[in-house]
């Protein structure tokens, strides 16, 4: 799946010097193979080449070209909030109240951090950093080379899990081409490991489902033969067999629910959830409605897994109650004359 990484201004400048480093060729190859997309906004572009040229369109082309010459996939995205004096027409979205609150909180925290470090506070630069940080929402990672921006983003988002947006993994790197490159390669390595884990967990869940279906079918079959008096002896052996089948069904139900929960988490981390959401635009209306209800009910798009965990627990307990009822009916049938 595509790994979307937003760069702050320092990271963007650092990566431009990656060409002459030892990891340059490896970095480009691994980013390309893994589908990693380096994202920037016009804010970073403006800051990087503001003194080189005056025409805005040319500035954008030159900044992006520096990285694309290395063969890196670079995408300029609109900012998630519009701020007077910073935002560009057509390259900024009208953010909601939550994004606005996050922006104001970031500005205050970054300014306080700068003062604590004895640095003069530049309101324009602080606002640019805050706009960039808000624009990191819904990305997989946010690479930061500024200590104040890093600590401020972590502090500002601690109590904002209710944003309804996916928070990125924020990674601090020194403003050096190699350090920034290694930070991104670590994310790529994590992505590869997640893919392998996802593949293994899907196979395990399928095995648990097959085991659960087989055990439940055998439990139903045994109950049928006992209830119809086709089998009535030996009581002890049939009772133990029924108990073992009940234990097997409960085990497979619990493990299936556990693996399903893990797979949903991994799907979100790998971007499969968002991919399915984008593909659903081509589905028929009923399928889209069912997919929307399913996604909203579980809450996994925003990485809020509490509802999903509750739903998995309820479904597992209901299935165990059904299996337990069948087991008790079997035991009663064996004891009845």
Protein backbone atom coordinates (compact mmCIF):
# COMPACT_ATOMS: atom_id res chain seq x y z
CA UNK A 1 0.00 0.00 0.00
CA UNK A 2 1.02 3.63 -0.48
CA UNK A 3 2.95 5.16 2.44
CA UNK A 4 2.25 8.90 2.58
CA UNK A 5 4.94 10.89 4.40
CA UNK A 6 4.63 14.64 4.94
CA UNK A 7 7.90 16.57 5.21
CA UNK A 8 8.40 19.74 7.17
CA UNK A 9 10.59 22.49 5.67
CA UNK A 10 13.80 21.22 7.27
CA UNK A 11 13.23 17.69 6.01
CA UNK A 12 12.47 18.96 2.52
CA UNK A 13 15.68 20.98 2.41
CA UNK A 14 17.71 18.06 3.77
CA UNK A 15 16.40 15.55 1.23
CA UNK A 16 17.39 17.86 -1.61
CA UNK A 17 21.01 17.05 -0.68
CA UNK A 18 20.55 13.29 -0.66
CA UNK A 19 22.07 12.74 -4.10
CA UNK A 20 25.71 12.75 -3.00
CA UNK A 21 25.23 10.54 0.09
CA UNK A 22 25.91 6.84 0.60
CA UNK A 23 22.23 5.98 1.00
CA UNK A 24 20.97 8.06 -1.93
CA UNK A 25 20.53 5.25 -4.49
CA UNK A 26 19.21 2.78 -1.90
CA UNK A 27 16.77 5.37 -0.58
CA UNK A 28 15.29 6.10 -4.00
CA UNK A 29 15.00 2.40 -4.86
CA UNK A 30 13.32 1.38 -1.63
CA UNK A 31 10.91 4.30 -1.66
CA UNK A 32 9.91 3.46 -5.22
CA UNK A 33 9.46 -0.27 -4.56
CA UNK A 34 7.44 0.30 -1.38
CA UNK A 35 5.16 2.90 -2.97
CA UNK A 36 6.28 5.66 -0.61
CA UNK A 37 5.05 9.13 -1.58
CA UNK A 38 6.81 12.18 -0.16
CA UNK A 39 4.25 14.92 0.41
CA UNK A 40 4.77 18.66 0.79
CA UNK A 41 2.52 21.69 0.84
CA UNK A 42 3.02 25.06 -0.79
CA UNK A 43 4.14 26.35 2.62
CA UNK A 44 7.39 24.37 2.47
CA UNK A 45 7.85 25.26 -1.19
CA UNK A 46 7.44 28.96 -0.43
CA UNK A 47 9.92 28.83 2.43
CA UNK A 48 12.50 26.85 0.49
CA UNK A 49 12.82 28.92 -2.65
CA UNK A 50 11.24 32.23 -1.72
CA UNK A 51 14.48 34.07 -2.45
CA UNK A 52 15.27 32.34 -5.72
CA UNK A 53 12.42 33.42 -7.97
CA UNK A 54 9.32 35.55 -7.70
CA UNK A 55 6.79 33.84 -9.92
CA UNK A 56 4.85 31.37 -7.78
CA UNK A 57 4.28 28.71 -10.45
CA UNK A 58 7.98 28.64 -11.24
CA UNK A 59 8.81 28.35 -7.53
CA UNK A 60 6.66 25.25 -7.22
CA UNK A 61 8.19 23.65 -10.31
CA UNK A 62 11.76 24.31 -9.20
CA UNK A 63 11.28 23.01 -5.65
CA UNK A 64 9.60 19.79 -6.70
CA UNK A 65 12.09 19.28 -9.56
CA UNK A 66 15.01 19.20 -7.10
CA UNK A 67 13.64 16.05 -5.52
CA UNK A 68 12.18 14.51 -8.65
CA UNK A 69 15.59 14.69 -10.31
CA UNK A 70 16.60 12.07 -7.76
CA UNK A 71 13.70 9.89 -8.91
CA UNK A 72 11.68 10.50 -5.75
CA UNK A 73 7.88 10.52 -5.95
CA UNK A 74 6.88 13.96 -4.64
CA UNK A 75 3.35 15.27 -4.33
CA UNK A 76 2.26 18.81 -3.51
CA UNK A 77 -0.94 18.68 -1.48
CA UNK A 78 -3.35 21.42 -0.34
CA UNK A 79 -3.09 22.51 3.27
CA UNK A 80 -5.85 21.36 5.61
CA UNK A 81 -6.57 24.88 6.80
CA UNK A 82 -6.72 28.31 5.20
CA UNK A 83 -4.77 31.12 6.92
CA UNK A 84 -4.73 34.70 5.65
CA UNK A 85 -1.29 35.82 4.50
CA UNK A 86 0.04 32.27 4.19
CA UNK A 87 -2.38 30.15 2.18
CA UNK A 88 -2.49 30.15 -1.62
CA UNK A 89 -5.64 30.19 -3.71
CA UNK A 90 -6.47 26.67 -4.89
CA UNK A 91 -3.90 25.10 -2.55
CA UNK A 92 -5.74 25.34 0.76
CA UNK A 93 -8.90 23.82 2.21
CA UNK A 94 -11.41 25.44 4.54
CA UNK A 95 -10.70 23.56 7.76
CA UNK A 96 -13.34 22.75 10.35
CA UNK A 97 -13.55 23.85 13.98
CA UNK A 98 -11.34 20.99 15.16
CA UNK A 99 -8.61 21.86 12.67
CA UNK A 100 -8.88 25.52 13.71
CA UNK A 101 -8.50 24.66 17.40
CA UNK A 102 -5.52 22.45 16.63
CA UNK A 103 -3.92 25.26 14.62
CA UNK A 104 -4.33 27.80 17.44
CA UNK A 105 -3.04 25.33 19.99
CA UNK A 106 0.03 24.59 17.87
CA UNK A 107 0.79 28.28 17.40
CA UNK A 108 0.71 28.86 21.16
CA UNK A 109 2.85 25.81 21.95
CA UNK A 110 5.46 26.54 19.26
CA UNK A 111 5.74 30.20 20.40
CA UNK A 112 6.16 29.13 24.04
CA UNK A 113 8.82 26.60 23.05
CA UNK A 114 10.75 29.21 21.06
CA UNK A 115 10.68 31.61 24.03
CA UNK A 116 11.84 28.88 26.42
CA UNK A 117 14.82 28.25 24.15
CA UNK A 118 15.66 31.95 24.08
CA UNK A 119 14.82 32.34 20.40
CA UNK A 120 12.98 35.32 19.00
CA UNK A 121 9.41 34.47 18.03
CA UNK A 122 8.64 35.03 14.36
CA UNK A 123 4.84 34.96 14.12
CA UNK A 124 4.88 34.23 10.39
CA UNK A 125 7.22 31.24 10.73
CA UNK A 126 5.24 29.96 13.71
CA UNK A 127 2.01 30.19 11.69
CA UNK A 128 3.65 28.38 8.75
CA UNK A 129 4.80 25.57 11.02
CA UNK A 130 1.32 25.28 12.52
CA UNK A 131 -0.31 25.12 9.08
CA UNK A 132 2.14 22.41 8.02
CA UNK A 133 1.48 20.41 11.19
CA UNK A 134 -2.31 20.56 10.77
CA UNK A 135 -1.83 19.41 7.17
CA UNK A 136 -0.10 16.26 8.48
CA UNK A 137 -3.48 14.84 9.53
CA UNK A 138 -4.47 11.66 7.67
CA UNK A 139 -0.87 11.01 6.60
CA UNK A 140 1.00 7.90 7.69
CA UNK A 141 3.99 9.87 9.01
CA UNK A 142 5.22 13.41 9.58
CA UNK A 143 9.01 13.94 9.37
CA UNK A 144 10.09 16.93 11.47
CA UNK A 145 13.51 18.57 11.85
CA UNK A 146 12.41 21.22 14.32
CA UNK A 147 12.42 20.34 18.03
CA UNK A 148 9.72 22.85 18.94
CA UNK A 149 7.42 21.69 16.16
CA UNK A 150 7.98 18.05 17.16
CA UNK A 151 7.22 18.53 20.86
CA UNK A 152 4.33 20.92 20.16
CA UNK A 153 2.62 18.51 17.76
CA UNK A 154 2.89 15.66 20.27
CA UNK A 155 1.47 17.83 23.06
CA UNK A 156 -1.31 19.32 20.94
CA UNK A 157 -2.62 15.95 19.73
CA UNK A 158 -2.54 14.03 23.04
CA UNK A 159 -6.13 14.98 23.91
CA UNK A 160 -7.41 15.30 20.33
CA UNK A 161 -8.13 11.66 19.50
CA UNK A 162 -11.74 12.71 18.90
CA UNK A 163 -10.73 14.77 15.87
CA UNK A 164 -12.26 12.21 13.53
CA UNK A 165 -8.97 12.26 11.61
CA UNK A 166 -6.05 9.86 11.57
CA UNK A 167 -3.03 11.19 13.44
CA UNK A 168 0.32 10.56 11.73
CA UNK A 169 3.34 8.94 13.30
CA UNK A 170 5.58 11.93 14.00
CA UNK A 171 9.31 11.28 13.62
CA UNK A 172 12.09 13.67 14.58
CA UNK A 173 15.25 13.73 12.46
CA UNK A 174 18.28 15.99 12.42
CA UNK A 175 18.30 18.42 9.46
CA UNK A 176 20.77 16.23 7.60
CA UNK A 177 20.15 14.31 4.34
CA UNK A 178 21.29 10.98 5.79
CA UNK A 179 19.32 11.31 9.05
CA UNK A 180 16.12 12.27 7.25
CA UNK A 181 16.65 9.50 4.70
CA UNK A 182 17.20 6.90 7.43
CA UNK A 183 14.09 8.07 9.29
CA UNK A 184 11.99 7.50 6.18
CA UNK A 185 13.66 4.14 5.47
CA UNK A 186 12.71 3.03 9.00
CA UNK A 187 9.10 3.77 8.13
CA UNK A 188 9.46 1.79 4.89
CA UNK A 189 10.93 -1.13 6.86
CA UNK A 190 8.03 -0.96 9.31
CA UNK A 191 5.61 -0.99 6.37
CA UNK A 192 7.21 -4.13 4.94
CA UNK A 193 7.03 -5.86 8.32
CA UNK A 194 3.36 -4.91 8.65
CA UNK A 195 2.62 -6.43 5.23
CA UNK A 196 4.24 -9.72 6.23
CA UNK A 197 2.41 -9.71 9.56
CA UNK A 198 -0.88 -8.95 7.81
CA UNK A 199 -0.40 -11.83 5.37
CA UNK A 200 0.42 -14.24 8.21
CA UNK A 201 -2.53 -13.14 10.34
CA UNK A 202 -4.99 -13.48 7.44
CA UNK A 203 -3.83 -17.07 6.90
CA UNK A 204 -4.08 -17.80 10.62
CA UNK A 205 -7.60 -16.39 10.82
CA UNK A 206 -8.70 -18.50 7.86
CA UNK A 207 -7.27 -21.57 9.58
CA UNK A 208 -9.14 -20.69 12.80
CA UNK A 209 -12.36 -20.17 10.84
CA UNK A 210 -11.94 -23.56 9.16
CA UNK A 211 -11.21 -25.19 12.52
CA UNK A 212 -14.21 -23.50 14.13
CA UNK A 213 -16.58 -24.55 11.35
CA UNK A 214 -15.30 -28.14 11.45
CA UNK A 215 -15.60 -28.36 15.25
CA UNK A 216 -19.10 -26.86 15.25
CA UNK A 217 -20.20 -29.21 12.46
CA UNK A 218 -18.91 -32.20 14.44
CA UNK A 219 -20.66 -30.87 17.55
CA UNK A 220 -23.94 -30.56 15.63
CA UNK A 221 -23.53 -34.03 14.15
CA UNK A 222 -22.84 -35.59 17.56
CA UNK A 223 -25.84 -33.78 19.04
CA UNK A 224 -28.07 -35.08 16.19
CA UNK A 225 -27.02 -38.69 16.70
CA UNK A 226 -27.39 -38.48 20.49
CA UNK A 227 -30.74 -36.66 20.34
CA UNK A 228 -32.12 -39.18 17.81
CA UNK A 229 -30.91 -42.06 20.05
CA UNK A 230 -28.75 -43.39 17.23
CA UNK A 231 -25.88 -43.16 19.71
CA UNK A 232 -26.56 -43.65 23.41
CA UNK A 233 -23.57 -45.64 24.63
CA UNK A 234 -20.99 -45.30 26.07
CA UNK A 235 -22.16 -42.25 28.02
CA UNK A 236 -18.78 -41.25 29.44
CA UNK A 237 -17.00 -41.34 26.07
CA UNK A 238 -19.74 -39.36 24.32
CA UNK A 239 -19.80 -36.83 27.18
CA UNK A 240 -16.03 -36.32 26.99
CA UNK A 241 -16.18 -36.04 23.19
CA UNK A 242 -18.91 -33.39 23.46
CA UNK A 243 -16.84 -31.48 26.03
CA UNK A 244 -13.74 -31.55 23.82
CA UNK A 245 -15.72 -30.32 20.81
CA UNK A 246 -17.22 -27.49 22.90
CA UNK A 247 -13.74 -26.44 24.08
CA UNK A 248 -12.47 -26.55 20.48
CA UNK A 249 -15.34 -24.39 19.22
CA UNK A 250 -14.81 -21.82 22.01
CA UNK A 251 -11.08 -21.71 21.33
CA UNK A 252 -11.49 -21.21 17.59
CA UNK A 253 -14.16 -18.53 18.14
CA UNK A 254 -11.93 -16.55 20.50
CA UNK A 255 -8.88 -16.84 18.23
CA UNK A 256 -10.91 -15.89 15.13
CA UNK A 257 -12.21 -12.77 16.90
CA UNK A 258 -8.70 -11.87 18.07
CA UNK A 259 -7.20 -12.26 14.59
CA UNK A 260 -10.06 -10.33 12.99
CA UNK A 261 -9.41 -7.41 15.35
CA UNK A 262 -5.67 -7.53 14.60
CA UNK A 263 -6.27 -7.68 10.85
CA UNK A 264 -8.53 -4.61 10.98
CA UNK A 265 -5.81 -2.70 12.82
CA UNK A 266 -3.20 -3.78 10.27
CA UNK A 267 -5.51 -2.87 7.36
CA UNK A 268 -5.75 0.66 8.71
CA UNK A 269 -2.00 0.94 9.27
CA UNK A 270 -1.33 -0.31 5.72
CA UNK A 271 -3.88 2.04 4.16
CA UNK A 272 -6.22 -0.75 3.01
CA UNK A 273 -9.16 0.87 4.81
CA UNK A 274 -8.72 4.14 2.93
CA UNK A 275 -8.15 2.28 -0.35
CA UNK A 276 -11.43 0.38 0.06
CA UNK A 277 -13.15 3.65 0.93
CA UNK A 278 -11.91 5.26 -2.29
CA UNK A 279 -12.84 2.20 -4.37
CA UNK A 280 -16.36 2.19 -2.92
CA UNK A 281 -17.20 5.24 -5.05
CA UNK A 282 -17.62 2.88 -8.02
CA UNK A 283 -19.87 0.43 -6.19
CA UNK A 284 -23.66 0.30 -6.44
CA UNK A 285 -25.66 2.32 -3.91
CA UNK A 286 -26.58 -0.58 -1.65
CA UNK A 287 -22.97 -1.78 -1.44
CA UNK A 288 -21.78 1.76 -0.70
CA UNK A 289 -24.41 2.12 2.04
CA UNK A 290 -23.43 -1.19 3.65
CA UNK A 291 -19.73 -0.30 3.44
CA UNK A 292 -20.37 3.10 5.01
CA UNK A 293 -22.44 1.59 7.86
CA UNK A 294 -19.76 -1.07 8.41
CA UNK A 295 -16.92 1.48 8.50
CA UNK A 296 -18.76 3.96 10.73
CA UNK A 297 -20.01 1.28 13.11
CA UNK A 298 -16.50 -0.07 13.73
CA UNK A 299 -14.83 3.35 13.79
CA UNK A 300 -11.58 2.01 12.31
CA UNK A 301 -11.09 4.84 9.81
CA UNK A 302 -10.08 7.13 12.66
CA UNK A 303 -8.02 4.41 14.41
CA UNK A 304 -10.56 4.29 17.23
CA UNK A 305 -10.74 0.57 17.95
CA UNK A 306 -12.91 0.65 21.07
CA UNK A 307 -16.16 0.06 19.18
CA UNK A 308 -14.56 -2.64 17.06
CA UNK A 309 -13.25 -4.42 20.18
CA UNK A 310 -16.69 -4.22 21.80
CA UNK A 311 -18.42 -5.58 18.68
CA UNK A 312 -15.93 -8.46 18.36
CA UNK A 313 -16.38 -9.31 22.06
CA UNK A 314 -20.19 -9.30 21.76
CA UNK A 315 -20.16 -11.45 18.62
CA UNK A 316 -17.72 -13.91 20.18
CA UNK A 317 -19.76 -14.19 23.39
CA UNK A 318 -22.99 -14.76 21.45
CA UNK A 319 -21.36 -17.53 19.40
CA UNK A 320 -19.93 -19.12 22.57
CA UNK A 321 -23.40 -19.03 24.19
CA UNK A 322 -24.87 -20.84 21.18
CA UNK A 323 -22.13 -23.48 21.33
CA UNK A 324 -22.58 -23.79 25.11
CA UNK A 325 -26.33 -24.26 24.69
CA UNK A 326 -25.69 -27.02 22.17
CA UNK A 327 -23.19 -28.68 24.53
CA UNK A 328 -25.61 -28.60 27.47
CA UNK A 329 -28.40 -30.00 25.28
CA UNK A 330 -26.07 -32.83 24.29
CA UNK A 331 -25.25 -33.63 27.92
CA UNK A 332 -28.93 -33.55 28.90
CA UNK A 333 -29.78 -35.86 25.98
CA UNK A 334 -27.17 -38.34 27.22
CA UNK A 335 -28.60 -38.26 30.74
CA UNK A 336 -32.24 -38.55 29.70
CA UNK A 337 -33.69 -42.11 29.68
